[in-house]
Protein backbone atom coordinates (compact mmCIF):
# COMPACT_ATOMS: atom_id res chain seq x y z
CA MET A 1 -7.18 18.46 12.75
CA SER A 2 -10.91 18.16 13.20
CA ALA A 3 -11.86 15.31 10.86
CA LEU A 4 -10.09 12.28 9.48
CA VAL A 5 -11.07 9.81 6.77
CA ILE A 6 -9.52 6.36 7.14
CA ASP A 7 -9.33 3.95 4.23
CA ALA A 8 -9.22 0.16 4.12
CA SER A 9 -5.44 0.06 3.65
CA ILE A 10 -4.74 1.75 6.99
CA THR A 11 -7.48 -0.27 8.72
CA LEU A 12 -6.06 -3.55 7.44
CA SER A 13 -2.58 -2.59 8.62
CA TRP A 14 -4.06 -2.50 12.12
CA LEU A 15 -5.77 -5.88 11.71
CA LEU A 16 -3.39 -8.07 9.72
CA PRO A 17 -0.19 -8.98 11.59
CA ASP A 18 1.86 -9.22 8.38
CA GLU A 19 0.85 -5.67 7.39
CA ALA A 20 1.58 -3.97 10.72
CA SER A 21 3.90 -0.96 10.65
CA ASP A 22 5.09 1.75 13.00
CA LEU A 23 3.58 4.37 10.68
CA ALA A 24 0.14 2.74 10.89
CA VAL A 25 0.37 2.43 14.68
CA ALA A 26 1.20 6.15 14.90
CA VAL A 27 -1.96 6.93 12.92
CA GLN A 28 -4.00 4.68 15.21
CA HIS A 29 -2.70 6.55 18.25
CA HIS A 30 -3.78 9.79 16.58
CA LEU A 31 -7.48 8.78 16.43
CA PRO A 32 -8.46 10.05 19.91
CA ARG A 33 -7.22 13.54 18.95
CA VAL A 34 -9.67 14.07 16.09
CA GLU A 35 -13.26 15.21 16.41
CA ALA A 36 -14.64 12.79 13.83
CA VAL A 37 -13.37 9.75 11.94
CA TRP A 38 -15.28 9.22 8.69
CA VAL A 39 -15.52 6.32 6.27
CA PRO A 40 -17.44 5.99 2.99
CA ALA A 41 -20.37 3.60 2.79
CA HIS A 42 -18.34 0.77 1.20
CA TRP A 43 -15.57 0.72 3.85
CA ARG A 44 -16.92 -2.16 5.96
CA LEU A 45 -17.45 -4.30 2.88
CA GLU A 46 -13.96 -3.53 1.59
CA VAL A 47 -12.34 -4.41 4.91
CA CYS A 48 -14.42 -7.58 5.34
CA ASN A 49 -13.59 -8.69 1.80
CA SER A 50 -9.89 -8.20 2.47
CA LEU A 51 -10.13 -10.21 5.69
CA TRP A 52 -11.90 -12.99 3.76
CA MET A 53 -9.14 -12.92 1.13
CA ALA A 54 -6.54 -13.12 3.92
CA GLU A 55 -8.27 -16.23 5.23
CA ARG A 56 -8.48 -17.81 1.77
CA ARG A 57 -4.76 -17.14 1.27
CA LYS A 58 -3.96 -18.66 4.71
CA ARG A 59 -2.70 -15.38 6.12
CA LEU A 60 -5.27 -15.68 8.94
CA ASP A 61 -7.44 -18.52 10.13
CA ALA A 62 -11.21 -18.19 10.67
CA ALA A 63 -10.73 -17.34 14.34
CA GLY A 64 -8.24 -14.60 13.43
CA VAL A 65 -10.66 -13.15 10.89
CA ALA A 66 -13.49 -13.20 13.45
CA GLN A 67 -11.27 -11.43 15.97
CA ALA A 68 -10.16 -8.84 13.40
CA ALA A 69 -13.76 -8.23 12.30
CA GLU A 70 -14.83 -7.73 15.91
CA LEU A 71 -12.03 -5.21 16.43
CA PHE A 72 -12.64 -3.15 13.32
CA LEU A 73 -16.38 -2.97 13.94
CA LYS A 74 -15.56 -1.28 17.27
CA LEU A 75 -13.48 1.47 15.66
CA PRO A 76 -14.91 4.91 16.42
CA VAL A 77 -16.00 5.74 12.88
CA ALA A 78 -19.00 7.44 11.33
CA THR A 79 -20.25 6.12 8.01
CA ASP A 80 -20.89 8.95 5.60
CA PRO A 81 -24.57 9.01 4.58
CA ALA A 82 -23.97 10.80 1.26
CA THR A 83 -21.36 8.48 -0.30
CA ASN A 84 -23.87 6.57 -2.40
CA ASP A 85 -25.70 9.72 -3.53
CA ARG A 86 -22.43 11.13 -4.91
CA ALA A 87 -21.23 7.93 -6.59
CA GLY A 88 -22.48 8.63 -10.11
CA ARG A 89 -21.41 12.27 -10.23
CA GLU A 90 -18.61 13.58 -8.03
CA THR A 91 -16.99 10.23 -7.20
CA LEU A 92 -17.06 8.88 -10.73
CA GLY A 93 -15.73 12.23 -11.97
CA LEU A 94 -12.80 12.12 -9.54
CA ALA A 95 -12.03 8.53 -10.54
CA ARG A 96 -12.06 9.45 -14.22
CA GLN A 97 -10.08 12.67 -13.76
CA HIS A 98 -7.33 11.12 -11.60
CA GLY A 99 -7.20 7.53 -12.84
CA LEU A 100 -8.39 6.05 -9.54
CA SER A 101 -10.76 3.20 -8.82
CA VAL A 102 -14.23 4.41 -7.88
CA TYR A 103 -13.63 2.90 -4.42
CA ASP A 104 -10.52 5.05 -3.88
CA ALA A 105 -12.24 8.08 -5.40
CA ALA A 106 -14.97 7.67 -2.77
CA TYR A 107 -12.37 8.24 -0.04
CA LEU A 108 -11.06 11.27 -1.91
CA GLU A 109 -14.55 12.72 -2.47
CA LEU A 110 -15.32 12.30 1.24
CA VAL A 111 -12.05 13.96 2.28
CA LEU A 112 -12.63 16.92 -0.01
CA ARG A 113 -16.28 17.37 0.97
CA ARG A 114 -15.63 17.12 4.71
CA GLY A 115 -12.39 19.15 4.64
CA ALA A 116 -10.76 16.19 6.36
CA SER A 117 -7.32 14.66 6.41
CA LEU A 118 -6.74 11.24 4.87
CA ALA A 119 -5.16 8.25 6.61
CA SER A 120 -4.06 5.82 3.92
CA LEU A 121 -1.19 3.57 2.90
CA ASP A 122 -2.39 3.47 -0.72
CA VAL A 123 0.33 5.28 -2.69
CA PRO A 124 -1.69 6.15 -5.85
CA LEU A 125 -4.52 7.58 -3.71
CA ARG A 126 -2.04 9.52 -1.58
CA VAL A 127 -0.31 10.99 -4.67
CA VAL A 128 -3.62 12.37 -5.97
CA ALA A 129 -4.69 13.60 -2.53
CA LYS A 130 -1.38 15.37 -2.05
CA LYS A 131 -1.74 17.10 -5.47
CA LEU A 132 -5.13 18.36 -4.29
CA GLY A 133 -3.68 19.75 -1.05
CA VAL A 134 -5.10 17.11 1.31
CA CYS A 135 -3.30 16.62 4.63
CA LEU A 136 -2.05 13.01 4.83
CA LEU A 137 -1.38 10.58 7.65
CA PRO A 138 1.17 9.23 7.90
CA ARG A 139 2.87 12.33 6.59
CA ARG A 140 5.11 10.35 4.22
CA LEU A 141 5.61 6.73 3.22
CA PRO A 142 9.11 5.37 2.45
CA GLU A 143 8.03 4.32 -1.06
CA GLU A 144 6.45 7.63 -2.02
CA PRO A 145 8.03 9.73 -4.77
């Protein structure tokens, strides 16, 4: 596998203690074996927003959020420069065609364009990606059909 796209769901499973799982840890250990780890332009905002929501819901305190933010900003990822340029055409079209949010469709568009695998814990996104022949990490989730 040469390229991998990681989404916010897998990233947050690495950062939030109450979302940790063996499947997510296995994906994290896989990162050094790929040539490139890609994220769409909105990924940092999505992860930061989720950390903020975790703080507001008392799942983490401010120090825990700061520590998590410091960790995720050190992840070896490359932000895709074309995500925003494709938002109104390809990404919106994928969202419309597959009933996804535009945010999730951005991950899918990036995976398809880069010929990458997708690391996600988001079941609806994984179902669509699987239909389109995308390689998934983890390979299967317990709650998947």
